[in-house]
């Protein structure tokens, strides 16, 4: 499998660390951000194939991050995750809880497109 770069964004360290471990085991290179603001700064200075972000975070939410990324790069591949219903989002929101393998499959589908 080709090596893809994933930007993983979640303010919950345990969730972020667990998902990073799962994705790295699946063969992805993972960079982590603690919130949308840090993720935006990383996105503008590095190359990522997919962004996986929680929705509810301090400083910048997942939907706000997705809006900014899509304004700069309309073809960006973004997966948002949330344990709550999101009334407005520029991309589909993947509902927590979920199987980590489901996330791996979602990323595979995104990078194929």
PDB file of N, CA and C in Angstrom:
ATOM      1  N   UNK A   1       0.851  -1.182   0.000  1.00  0.00           N
ATOM      2  CA  UNK A   1       0.000   0.000   0.000  1.00  0.00           C
ATOM      3  C   UNK A   1       0.897   1.245   0.000  1.00  0.00           C
ATOM      4  N   UNK A   2       0.489   2.217  -0.771  1.00  0.00           N
ATOM      5  CA  UNK A   2       1.232   3.484  -0.800  1.00  0.00           C
ATOM      6  C   UNK A   2       1.116   4.161   0.555  1.00  0.00           C
ATOM      7  N   UNK A   3       2.132   4.919   0.907  1.00  0.00           N
ATOM      8  CA  UNK A   3       2.130   5.632   2.184  1.00  0.00           C
ATOM      9  C   UNK A   3       1.366   6.937   2.020  1.00  0.00           C
ATOM     10  N   UNK A   4       0.318   7.104   2.792  1.00  0.00           N
ATOM     11  CA  UNK A   4      -0.478   8.325   2.759  1.00  0.00           C
ATOM     12  C   UNK A   4      -0.296   9.080   4.056  1.00  0.00           C
ATOM     13  N   UNK A   5      -0.318  10.405   3.950  1.00  0.00           N
ATOM     14  CA  UNK A   5      -0.172  11.271   5.113  1.00  0.00           C
ATOM     15  C   UNK A   5      -1.539  11.694   5.619  1.00  0.00           C
ATOM     16  N   UNK A   6      -1.793  11.414   6.888  1.00  0.00           N
ATOM     17  CA  UNK A   6      -3.067  11.739   7.515  1.00  0.00           C
ATOM     18  C   UNK A   6      -2.825  12.767   8.615  1.00  0.00           C
ATOM     19  N   UNK A   7      -3.643  13.821   8.599  1.00  0.00           N
ATOM     20  CA  UNK A   7      -3.645  14.788   9.700  1.00  0.00           C
ATOM     21  C   UNK A   7      -4.816  14.426  10.600  1.00  0.00           C
ATOM     22  N   UNK A   8      -4.516  14.030  11.829  1.00  0.00           N
ATOM     23  CA  UNK A   8      -5.516  13.585  12.793  1.00  0.00           C
ATOM     24  C   UNK A   8      -5.698  14.670  13.852  1.00  0.00           C
ATOM     25  N   UNK A   9      -6.934  15.146  14.003  1.00  0.00           N
ATOM     26  CA  UNK A   9      -7.214  16.285  14.881  1.00  0.00           C
ATOM     27  C   UNK A   9      -8.267  15.911  15.912  1.00  0.00           C
ATOM     28  N   UNK A  10      -7.899  15.966  17.179  1.00  0.00           N
ATOM     29  CA  UNK A  10      -8.859  15.702  18.254  1.00  0.00           C
ATOM     30  C   UNK A  10      -8.278  16.272  19.533  1.00  0.00           C
ATOM     31  N   UNK A  11      -9.101  16.980  20.302  1.00  0.00           N
ATOM     32  CA  UNK A  11      -8.614  17.561  21.552  1.00  0.00           C
ATOM     33  C   UNK A  11      -8.537  16.533  22.673  1.00  0.00           C
ATOM     34  N   UNK A  12      -9.152  15.361  22.493  1.00  0.00           N
ATOM     35  CA  UNK A  12      -9.087  14.298  23.498  1.00  0.00           C
ATOM     36  C   UNK A  12      -7.843  13.443  23.224  1.00  0.00           C
ATOM     37  N   UNK A  13      -6.845  13.565  24.091  1.00  0.00           N
ATOM     38  CA  UNK A  13      -5.571  12.892  23.857  1.00  0.00           C
ATOM     39  C   UNK A  13      -5.716  11.377  23.735  1.00  0.00           C
ATOM     40  N   UNK A  14      -6.566  10.768  24.554  1.00  0.00           N
ATOM     41  CA  UNK A  14      -6.698   9.312  24.500  1.00  0.00           C
ATOM     42  C   UNK A  14      -7.282   8.866  23.151  1.00  0.00           C
ATOM     43  N   UNK A  15      -8.277   9.573  22.665  1.00  0.00           N
ATOM     44  CA  UNK A  15      -8.880   9.247  21.360  1.00  0.00           C
ATOM     45  C   UNK A  15      -7.845   9.442  20.259  1.00  0.00           C
ATOM     46  N   UNK A  16      -7.180  10.580  20.294  1.00  0.00           N
ATOM     47  CA  UNK A  16      -6.181  10.909  19.266  1.00  0.00           C
ATOM     48  C   UNK A  16      -5.062   9.872  19.242  1.00  0.00           C
ATOM     49  N   UNK A  17      -4.535   9.519  20.386  1.00  0.00           N
ATOM     50  CA  UNK A  17      -3.440   8.548  20.467  1.00  0.00           C
ATOM     51  C   UNK A  17      -3.873   7.169  19.987  1.00  0.00           C
ATOM     52  N   UNK A  18      -5.071   6.754  20.389  1.00  0.00           N
ATOM     53  CA  UNK A  18      -5.580   5.447  19.968  1.00  0.00           C
ATOM     54  C   UNK A  18      -5.767   5.393  18.456  1.00  0.00           C
ATOM     55  N   UNK A  19      -6.420   6.415  17.901  1.00  0.00           N
ATOM     56  CA  UNK A  19      -6.654   6.419  16.446  1.00  0.00           C
ATOM     57  C   UNK A  19      -5.340   6.528  15.678  1.00  0.00           C
ATOM     58  N   UNK A  20      -4.390   7.289  16.195  1.00  0.00           N
ATOM     59  CA  UNK A  20      -3.077   7.385  15.541  1.00  0.00           C
ATOM     60  C   UNK A  20      -2.417   6.012  15.493  1.00  0.00           C
ATOM     61  N   UNK A  21      -2.496   5.277  16.577  1.00  0.00           N
ATOM     62  CA  UNK A  21      -1.915   3.939  16.631  1.00  0.00           C
ATOM     63  C   UNK A  21      -2.577   3.019  15.609  1.00  0.00           C
ATOM     64  N   UNK A  22      -3.894   3.058  15.538  1.00  0.00           N
ATOM     65  CA  UNK A  22      -4.639   2.238  14.574  1.00  0.00           C
ATOM     66  C   UNK A  22      -4.228   2.584  13.147  1.00  0.00           C
ATOM     67  N   UNK A  23      -4.181   3.874  12.842  1.00  0.00           N
ATOM     68  CA  UNK A  23      -3.858   4.303  11.472  1.00  0.00           C
ATOM     69  C   UNK A  23      -2.406   3.990  11.118  1.00  0.00           C
ATOM     70  N   UNK A  24      -1.498   4.168  12.048  1.00  0.00           N
ATOM     71  CA  UNK A  24      -0.096   3.834  11.785  1.00  0.00           C
ATOM     72  C   UNK A  24       0.065   2.336  11.554  1.00  0.00           C
ATOM     73  N   UNK A  25      -0.652   1.520  12.321  1.00  0.00           N
ATOM     74  CA  UNK A  25      -0.616   0.069  12.136  1.00  0.00           C
ATOM     75  C   UNK A  25      -1.150  -0.308  10.755  1.00  0.00           C
ATOM     76  N   UNK A  26      -2.107   0.475  10.248  1.00  0.00           N
ATOM     77  CA  UNK A  26      -2.678   0.227   8.921  1.00  0.00           C
ATOM     78  C   UNK A  26      -1.774   0.748   7.801  1.00  0.00           C
ATOM     79  N   UNK A  27      -0.654   1.384   8.162  1.00  0.00           N
ATOM     80  CA  UNK A  27       0.305   1.810   7.158  1.00  0.00           C
ATOM     81  C   UNK A  27       0.300   3.283   6.804  1.00  0.00           C
ATOM     82  N   UNK A  28      -0.468   4.089   7.521  1.00  0.00           N
ATOM     83  CA  UNK A  28      -0.516   5.530   7.246  1.00  0.00           C
ATOM     84  C   UNK A  28       0.529   6.275   8.078  1.00  0.00           C
ATOM     85  N   UNK A  29       1.021   7.367   7.521  1.00  0.00           N
ATOM     86  CA  UNK A  29       1.855   8.280   8.284  1.00  0.00           C
ATOM     87  C   UNK A  29       0.905   9.278   8.931  1.00  0.00           C
ATOM     88  N   UNK A  30       0.973   9.412  10.244  1.00  0.00           N
ATOM     89  CA  UNK A  30       0.006  10.233  10.975  1.00  0.00           C
ATOM     90  C   UNK A  30       0.708  11.383  11.682  1.00  0.00           C
ATOM     91  N   UNK A  31       0.171  12.587  11.487  1.00  0.00           N
ATOM     92  CA  UNK A  31       0.589  13.770  12.258  1.00  0.00           C
ATOM     93  C   UNK A  31      -0.622  14.163  13.087  1.00  0.00           C
ATOM     94  N   UNK A  32      -0.402  14.596  14.312  1.00  0.00           N
ATOM     95  CA  UNK A  32      -1.491  14.895  15.229  1.00  0.00           C
ATOM     96  C   UNK A  32      -1.556  16.377  15.574  1.00  0.00           C
ATOM     97  N   UNK A  33      -2.799  16.865  15.696  1.00  0.00           N
ATOM     98  CA  UNK A  33      -3.047  18.230  16.150  1.00  0.00           C
ATOM     99  C   UNK A  33      -4.077  18.174  17.270  1.00  0.00           C
ATOM    100  N   UNK A  34      -3.941  19.105  18.241  1.00  0.00           N
ATOM    101  CA  UNK A  34      -4.823  19.090  19.409  1.00  0.00           C
ATOM    102  C   UNK A  34      -6.110  19.882  19.206  1.00  0.00           C
ATOM    103  N   UNK A  35      -6.151  20.724  18.162  1.00  0.00           N
ATOM    104  CA  UNK A  35      -7.373  21.490  17.886  1.00  0.00           C
ATOM    105  C   UNK A  35      -7.333  21.983  16.445  1.00  0.00           C
ATOM    106  N   UNK A  36      -8.418  22.599  16.020  1.00  0.00           N
ATOM    107  CA  UNK A  36      -8.519  23.068  14.647  1.00  0.00           C
ATOM    108  C   UNK A  36      -7.496  24.126  14.283  1.00  0.00           C
ATOM    109  N   UNK A  37      -7.165  25.004  15.215  1.00  0.00           N
ATOM    110  CA  UNK A  37      -6.189  26.055  14.933  1.00  0.00           C
ATOM    111  C   UNK A  37      -4.815  25.463  14.642  1.00  0.00           C
ATOM    112  N   UNK A  38      -4.375  24.541  15.494  1.00  0.00           N
ATOM    113  CA  UNK A  38      -3.081  23.895  15.257  1.00  0.00           C
ATOM    114  C   UNK A  38      -3.120  23.103  13.947  1.00  0.00           C
ATOM    115  N   UNK A  39      -4.235  22.440  13.674  1.00  0.00           N
ATOM    116  CA  UNK A  39      -4.369  21.667  12.433  1.00  0.00           C
ATOM    117  C   UNK A  39      -4.276  22.580  11.215  1.00  0.00           C
ATOM    118  N   UNK A  40      -4.918  23.746  11.272  1.00  0.00           N
ATOM    119  CA  UNK A  40      -4.869  24.688  10.159  1.00  0.00           C
ATOM    120  C   UNK A  40      -3.426  25.132   9.898  1.00  0.00           C
ATOM    121  N   UNK A  41      -2.701  25.438  10.966  1.00  0.00           N
ATOM    122  CA  UNK A  41      -1.305  25.850  10.819  1.00  0.00           C
ATOM    123  C   UNK A  41      -0.475  24.730  10.190  1.00  0.00           C
ATOM    124  N   UNK A  42      -0.727  23.501  10.591  1.00  0.00           N
ATOM    125  CA  UNK A  42      -0.001  22.364  10.017  1.00  0.00           C
ATOM    126  C   UNK A  42      -0.403  22.148   8.562  1.00  0.00           C
ATOM    127  N   UNK A  43      -1.696  22.268   8.282  1.00  0.00           N
ATOM    128  CA  UNK A  43      -2.189  22.025   6.922  1.00  0.00           C
ATOM    129  C   UNK A  43      -1.590  23.020   5.926  1.00  0.00           C
ATOM    130  N   UNK A  44      -1.408  24.249   6.346  1.00  0.00           N
ATOM    131  CA  UNK A  44      -0.893  25.264   5.430  1.00  0.00           C
ATOM    132  C   UNK A  44       0.614  25.144   5.211  1.00  0.00           C
ATOM    133  N   UNK A  45       1.305  24.344   6.021  1.00  0.00           N
ATOM    134  CA  UNK A  45       2.749  24.224   5.852  1.00  0.00           C
ATOM    135  C   UNK A  45       3.211  22.818   5.472  1.00  0.00           C
ATOM    136  N   UNK A  46       2.308  21.850   5.482  1.00  0.00           N
ATOM    137  CA  UNK A  46       2.662  20.465   5.150  1.00  0.00           C
ATOM    138  C   UNK A  46       1.649  19.909   4.151  1.00  0.00           C
ATOM    139  N   UNK A  47       1.974  18.751   3.576  1.00  0.00           N
ATOM    140  CA  UNK A  47       1.087  18.103   2.594  1.00  0.00           C
ATOM    141  C   UNK A  47       0.401  16.910   3.254  1.00  0.00           C
ATOM    142  N   UNK A  48      -0.936  16.910   3.210  1.00  0.00           N
ATOM    143  CA  UNK A  48      -1.703  15.795   3.761  1.00  0.00           C
ATOM    144  C   UNK A  48      -2.644  15.249   2.700  1.00  0.00           C
ATOM    145  N   UNK A  49      -2.780  13.919   2.693  1.00  0.00           N
ATOM    146  CA  UNK A  49      -3.698  13.274   1.755  1.00  0.00           C
ATOM    147  C   UNK A  49      -5.123  13.270   2.294  1.00  0.00           C
ATOM    148  N   UNK A  50      -5.259  13.178   3.613  1.00  0.00           N
ATOM    149  CA  UNK A  50      -6.570  13.132   4.264  1.00  0.00           C
ATOM    150  C   UNK A  50      -6.480  13.852   5.606  1.00  0.00           C
ATOM    151  N   UNK A  51      -7.561  14.563   5.953  1.00  0.00           N
ATOM    152  CA  UNK A  51      -7.689  15.169   7.280  1.00  0.00           C
ATOM    153  C   UNK A  51      -8.829  14.457   7.997  1.00  0.00           C
ATOM    154  N   UNK A  52      -8.565  13.955   9.190  1.00  0.00           N
ATOM    155  CA  UNK A  52      -9.582  13.322  10.033  1.00  0.00           C
ATOM    156  C   UNK A  52      -9.687  14.181  11.279  1.00  0.00           C
ATOM    157  N   UNK A  53     -10.866  14.760  11.508  1.00  0.00           N
ATOM    158  CA  UNK A  53     -10.991  15.709  12.611  1.00  0.00           C
ATOM    159  C   UNK A  53     -12.260  15.494  13.428  1.00  0.00           C
ATOM    160  N   UNK A  54     -12.107  15.675  14.729  1.00  0.00           N
ATOM    161  CA  UNK A  54     -13.254  15.757  15.623  1.00  0.00           C
ATOM    162  C   UNK A  54     -13.983  17.063  15.306  1.00  0.00           C
ATOM    163  N   UNK A  55     -15.241  17.163  15.688  1.00  0.00           N
ATOM    164  CA  UNK A  55     -16.009  18.389  15.440  1.00  0.00           C
ATOM    165  C   UNK A  55     -15.904  19.384  16.586  1.00  0.00           C
ATOM    166  N   UNK A  56     -16.087  18.911  17.804  1.00  0.00           N
ATOM    167  CA  UNK A  56     -16.150  19.806  18.962  1.00  0.00           C
ATOM    168  C   UNK A  56     -14.784  19.965  19.605  1.00  0.00           C
ATOM    169  N   UNK A  57     -14.136  21.106  19.312  1.00  0.00           N
ATOM    170  CA  UNK A  57     -12.804  21.380  19.860  1.00  0.00           C
ATOM    171  C   UNK A  57     -12.688  22.866  20.178  1.00  0.00           C
ATOM    172  N   UNK A  58     -11.772  23.216  21.098  1.00  0.00           N
ATOM    173  CA  UNK A  58     -11.535  24.636  21.378  1.00  0.00           C
ATOM    174  C   UNK A  58     -10.784  25.313  20.234  1.00  0.00           C
ATOM    175  N   UNK A  59     -10.807  26.622  20.229  1.00  0.00           N
ATOM    176  CA  UNK A  59     -10.096  27.500  19.287  1.00  0.00           C
ATOM    177  C   UNK A  59     -10.634  27.433  17.860  1.00  0.00           C
ATOM    178  N   UNK A  60     -10.877  26.256  17.299  1.00  0.00           N
ATOM    179  CA  UNK A  60     -11.481  26.145  15.979  1.00  0.00           C
ATOM    180  C   UNK A  60     -12.130  24.768  15.883  1.00  0.00           C
ATOM    181  N   UNK A  61     -13.415  24.728  15.554  1.00  0.00           N
ATOM    182  CA  UNK A  61     -14.128  23.454  15.470  1.00  0.00           C
ATOM    183  C   UNK A  61     -13.741  22.707  14.191  1.00  0.00           C
ATOM    184  N   UNK A  62     -14.124  21.445  14.132  1.00  0.00           N
ATOM    185  CA  UNK A  62     -13.886  20.654  12.930  1.00  0.00           C
ATOM    186  C   UNK A  62     -14.566  21.240  11.692  1.00  0.00           C
ATOM    187  N   UNK A  63     -15.868  21.602  11.785  1.00  0.00           N
ATOM    188  CA  UNK A  63     -16.509  22.214  10.614  1.00  0.00           C
ATOM    189  C   UNK A  63     -15.847  23.529  10.182  1.00  0.00           C
ATOM    190  N   UNK A  64     -15.391  24.344  11.136  1.00  0.00           N
ATOM    191  CA  UNK A  64     -14.677  25.585  10.788  1.00  0.00           C
ATOM    192  C   UNK A  64     -13.361  25.262  10.074  1.00  0.00           C
ATOM    193  N   UNK A  65     -12.656  24.249  10.574  1.00  0.00           N
ATOM    194  CA  UNK A  65     -11.421  23.812   9.938  1.00  0.00           C
ATOM    195  C   UNK A  65     -11.698  23.327   8.519  1.00  0.00           C
ATOM    196  N   UNK A  66     -12.739  22.511   8.368  1.00  0.00           N
ATOM    197  CA  UNK A  66     -13.084  21.993   7.038  1.00  0.00           C
ATOM    198  C   UNK A  66     -13.416  23.130   6.078  1.00  0.00           C
ATOM    199  N   UNK A  67     -14.168  24.131   6.551  1.00  0.00           N
ATOM    200  CA  UNK A  67     -14.476  25.305   5.713  1.00  0.00           C
ATOM    201  C   UNK A  67     -13.203  25.974   5.222  1.00  0.00           C
ATOM    202  N   UNK A  68     -12.269  26.222   6.133  1.00  0.00           N
ATOM    203  CA  UNK A  68     -11.015  26.894   5.758  1.00  0.00           C
ATOM    204  C   UNK A  68     -10.210  26.072   4.753  1.00  0.00           C
ATOM    205  N   UNK A  69     -10.099  24.786   5.031  1.00  0.00           N
ATOM    206  CA  UNK A  69      -9.326  23.917   4.129  1.00  0.00           C
ATOM    207  C   UNK A  69      -9.963  23.890   2.746  1.00  0.00           C
ATOM    208  N   UNK A  70     -11.290  23.735   2.698  1.00  0.00           N
ATOM    209  CA  UNK A  70     -11.971  23.640   1.403  1.00  0.00           C
ATOM    210  C   UNK A  70     -11.917  24.952   0.622  1.00  0.00           C
ATOM    211  N   UNK A  71     -11.845  26.085   1.312  1.00  0.00           N
ATOM    212  CA  UNK A  71     -11.677  27.363   0.614  1.00  0.00           C
ATOM    213  C   UNK A  71     -10.321  27.407  -0.082  1.00  0.00           C
ATOM    214  N   UNK A  72      -9.315  26.867   0.562  1.00  0.00           N
ATOM    215  CA  UNK A  72      -7.965  26.855  -0.012  1.00  0.00           C
ATOM    216  C   UNK A  72      -7.800  25.715  -1.019  1.00  0.00           C
ATOM    217  N   UNK A  73      -8.418  24.570  -0.731  1.00  0.00           N
ATOM    218  CA  UNK A  73      -8.250  23.368  -1.551  1.00  0.00           C
ATOM    219  C   UNK A  73      -9.593  22.646  -1.666  1.00  0.00           C
ATOM    220  N   UNK A  74     -10.414  23.007  -2.674  1.00  0.00           N
ATOM    221  CA  UNK A  74     -11.742  22.407  -2.818  1.00  0.00           C
ATOM    222  C   UNK A  74     -11.729  20.888  -2.998  1.00  0.00           C
ATOM    223  N   UNK A  75     -10.603  20.322  -3.392  1.00  0.00           N
ATOM    224  CA  UNK A  75     -10.509  18.874  -3.589  1.00  0.00           C
ATOM    225  C   UNK A  75     -10.004  18.140  -2.344  1.00  0.00           C
ATOM    226  N   UNK A  76      -9.831  18.858  -1.232  1.00  0.00           N
ATOM    227  CA  UNK A  76      -9.307  18.235  -0.012  1.00  0.00           C
ATOM    228  C   UNK A  76     -10.202  17.090   0.439  1.00  0.00           C
ATOM    229  N   UNK A  77      -9.566  16.074   0.985  1.00  0.00           N
ATOM    230  CA  UNK A  77     -10.292  14.909   1.513  1.00  0.00           C
ATOM    231  C   UNK A  77     -10.381  15.069   3.026  1.00  0.00           C
ATOM    232  N   UNK A  78     -11.600  15.200   3.523  1.00  0.00           N
ATOM    233  CA  UNK A  78     -11.806  15.482   4.951  1.00  0.00           C
ATOM    234  C   UNK A  78     -12.855  14.533   5.515  1.00  0.00           C
ATOM    235  N   UNK A  79     -12.563  13.981   6.678  1.00  0.00           N
ATOM    236  CA  UNK A  79     -13.518  13.155   7.421  1.00  0.00           C
ATOM    237  C   UNK A  79     -13.712  13.819   8.776  1.00  0.00           C
ATOM    238  N   UNK A  80     -14.946  14.170   9.100  1.00  0.00           N
ATOM    239  CA  UNK A  80     -15.254  14.730  10.426  1.00  0.00           C
ATOM    240  C   UNK A  80     -15.901  13.651  11.279  1.00  0.00           C
ATOM    241  N   UNK A  81     -15.595  13.681  12.575  1.00  0.00           N
ATOM    242  CA  UNK A  81     -16.165  12.719  13.526  1.00  0.00           C
ATOM    243  C   UNK A  81     -16.806  13.480  14.674  1.00  0.00           C
ATOM    244  N   UNK A  82     -17.910  12.960  15.173  1.00  0.00           N
ATOM    245  CA  UNK A  82     -18.554  13.602  16.317  1.00  0.00           C
ATOM    246  C   UNK A  82     -19.436  12.628  17.063  1.00  0.00           C
ATOM    247  N   UNK A  83     -19.509  12.831  18.364  1.00  0.00           N
ATOM    248  CA  UNK A  83     -20.431  12.065  19.182  1.00  0.00           C
ATOM    249  C   UNK A  83     -21.792  12.731  19.281  1.00  0.00           C
ATOM    250  N   UNK A  84     -21.890  13.954  18.736  1.00  0.00           N
ATOM    251  CA  UNK A  84     -23.142  14.711  18.770  1.00  0.00           C
ATOM    252  C   UNK A  84     -23.596  14.999  17.348  1.00  0.00           C
ATOM    253  N   UNK A  85     -24.877  15.253  17.196  1.00  0.00           N
ATOM    254  CA  UNK A  85     -25.387  15.637  15.880  1.00  0.00           C
ATOM    255  C   UNK A  85     -24.847  17.025  15.527  1.00  0.00           C
ATOM    256  N   UNK A  86     -24.393  17.175  14.312  1.00  0.00           N
ATOM    257  CA  UNK A  86     -23.846  18.453  13.853  1.00  0.00           C
ATOM    258  C   UNK A  86     -24.847  19.116  12.909  1.00  0.00           C
ATOM    259  N   UNK A  87     -25.383  20.267  13.291  1.00  0.00           N
ATOM    260  CA  UNK A  87     -26.406  20.906  12.471  1.00  0.00           C
ATOM    261  C   UNK A  87     -25.877  21.438  11.136  1.00  0.00           C
ATOM    262  N   UNK A  88     -24.607  21.858  11.106  1.00  0.00           N
ATOM    263  CA  UNK A  88     -24.061  22.410   9.866  1.00  0.00           C
ATOM    264  C   UNK A  88     -22.623  21.942   9.711  1.00  0.00           C
ATOM    265  N   UNK A  89     -22.372  21.316   8.575  1.00  0.00           N
ATOM    266  CA  UNK A  89     -21.020  20.861   8.305  1.00  0.00           C
ATOM    267  C   UNK A  89     -20.794  20.861   6.801  1.00  0.00           C
ATOM    268  N   UNK A  90     -19.609  21.304   6.356  1.00  0.00           N
ATOM    269  CA  UNK A  90     -19.317  21.328   4.926  1.00  0.00           C
ATOM    270  C   UNK A  90     -19.049  19.936   4.342  1.00  0.00           C
ATOM    271  N   UNK A  91     -18.823  18.950   5.192  1.00  0.00           N
ATOM    272  CA  UNK A  91     -18.603  17.571   4.743  1.00  0.00           C
ATOM    273  C   UNK A  91     -19.399  16.633   5.636  1.00  0.00           C
ATOM    274  N   UNK A  92     -19.526  15.386   5.203  1.00  0.00           N
ATOM    275  CA  UNK A  92     -20.264  14.397   5.981  1.00  0.00           C
ATOM    276  C   UNK A  92     -19.589  14.162   7.332  1.00  0.00           C
ATOM    277  N   UNK A  93     -20.408  14.006   8.367  1.00  0.00           N
ATOM    278  CA  UNK A  93     -19.894  13.765   9.719  1.00  0.00           C
ATOM    279  C   UNK A  93     -20.098  12.297  10.065  1.00  0.00           C
ATOM    280  N   UNK A  94     -19.021  11.657  10.454  1.00  0.00           N
ATOM    281  CA  UNK A  94     -19.004  10.258  10.837  1.00  0.00           C
ATOM    282  C   UNK A  94     -19.308  10.184  12.335  1.00  0.00           C
ATOM    283  N   UNK A  95     -20.362   9.462  12.698  1.00  0.00           N
ATOM    284  CA  UNK A  95     -20.815   9.456  14.088  1.00  0.00           C
ATOM    285  C   UNK A  95     -20.011   8.510  14.977  1.00  0.00           C
ATOM    286  N   UNK A  96     -19.551   9.020  16.133  1.00  0.00           N
ATOM    287  CA  UNK A  96     -18.913   8.201  17.162  1.00  0.00           C
ATOM    288  C   UNK A  96     -20.023   7.548  17.980  1.00  0.00           C
ATOM    289  N   UNK A  97     -19.817   6.425  18.590  1.00  0.00           N
ATOM    290  CA  UNK A  97     -18.630   5.574  18.509  1.00  0.00           C
ATOM    291  C   UNK A  97     -18.626   4.770  17.204  1.00  0.00           C
ATOM    292  N   UNK A  98     -17.450   4.320  16.797  1.00  0.00           N
ATOM    293  CA  UNK A  98     -17.311   3.546  15.578  1.00  0.00           C
ATOM    294  C   UNK A  98     -16.147   2.581  15.725  1.00  0.00           C
ATOM    295  N   UNK A  99     -16.099   1.621  14.854  1.00  0.00           N
ATOM    296  CA  UNK A  99     -14.994   0.681  14.834  1.00  0.00           C
ATOM    297  C   UNK A  99     -13.788   1.359  14.190  1.00  0.00           C
ATOM    298  N   UNK A 100     -12.619   1.240  14.789  1.00  0.00           N
ATOM    299  CA  UNK A 100     -11.432   1.827  14.174  1.00  0.00           C
ATOM    300  C   UNK A 100     -11.182   1.309  12.753  1.00  0.00           C
ATOM    301  N   UNK A 101     -11.546   0.056  12.509  1.00  0.00           N
ATOM    302  CA  UNK A 101     -11.367  -0.501  11.164  1.00  0.00           C
ATOM    303  C   UNK A 101     -12.267   0.198  10.155  1.00  0.00           C
ATOM    304  N   UNK A 102     -13.428   0.670  10.609  1.00  0.00           N
ATOM    305  CA  UNK A 102     -14.306   1.431   9.731  1.00  0.00           C
ATOM    306  C   UNK A 102     -13.625   2.722   9.307  1.00  0.00           C
ATOM    307  N   UNK A 103     -12.911   3.368  10.224  1.00  0.00           N
ATOM    308  CA  UNK A 103     -12.184   4.592   9.889  1.00  0.00           C
ATOM    309  C   UNK A 103     -11.081   4.295   8.870  1.00  0.00           C
ATOM    310  N   UNK A 104     -10.374   3.203   9.058  1.00  0.00           N
ATOM    311  CA  UNK A 104      -9.333   2.808   8.101  1.00  0.00           C
ATOM    312  C   UNK A 104      -9.946   2.641   6.710  1.00  0.00           C
ATOM    313  N   UNK A 105     -11.102   1.995   6.631  1.00  0.00           N
ATOM    314  CA  UNK A 105     -11.773   1.794   5.342  1.00  0.00           C
ATOM    315  C   UNK A 105     -12.235   3.122   4.741  1.00  0.00           C
ATOM    316  N   UNK A 106     -12.753   4.016   5.567  1.00  0.00           N
ATOM    317  CA  UNK A 106     -13.163   5.335   5.071  1.00  0.00           C
ATOM    318  C   UNK A 106     -11.986   6.089   4.459  1.00  0.00           C
ATOM    319  N   UNK A 107     -10.849   6.030   5.128  1.00  0.00           N
ATOM    320  CA  UNK A 107      -9.660   6.706   4.601  1.00  0.00           C
ATOM    321  C   UNK A 107      -9.227   6.069   3.295  1.00  0.00           C
ATOM    322  N   UNK A 108      -9.241   4.737   3.222  1.00  0.00           N
ATOM    323  CA  UNK A 108      -8.899   4.053   1.968  1.00  0.00           C
ATOM    324  C   UNK A 108      -9.784   4.538   0.829  1.00  0.00           C
ATOM    325  N   UNK A 109     -11.084   4.637   1.100  1.00  0.00           N
ATOM    326  CA  UNK A 109     -12.025   5.117   0.083  1.00  0.00           C
ATOM    327  C   UNK A 109     -11.708   6.551  -0.342  1.00  0.00           C
ATOM    328  N   UNK A 110     -11.367   7.411   0.625  1.00  0.00           N
ATOM    329  CA  UNK A 110     -11.070   8.809   0.314  1.00  0.00           C
ATOM    330  C   UNK A 110      -9.832   8.948  -0.572  1.00  0.00           C
ATOM    331  N   UNK A 111      -8.780   8.184  -0.274  1.00  0.00           N
ATOM    332  CA  UNK A 111      -7.544   8.357  -1.037  1.00  0.00           C
ATOM    333  C   UNK A 111      -7.634   7.741  -2.436  1.00  0.00           C
ATOM    334  N   UNK A 112      -8.598   6.857  -2.653  1.00  0.00           N
ATOM    335  CA  UNK A 112      -8.798   6.274  -3.988  1.00  0.00           C
ATOM    336  C   UNK A 112      -9.415   7.287  -4.947  1.00  0.00           C
ATOM    337  N   UNK A 113     -10.150   8.251  -4.391  1.00  0.00           N
ATOM    338  CA  UNK A 113     -10.880   9.209  -5.235  1.00  0.00           C
ATOM    339  C   UNK A 113      -9.983  10.316  -5.746  1.00  0.00           C
TER     340      UNK A 113
END
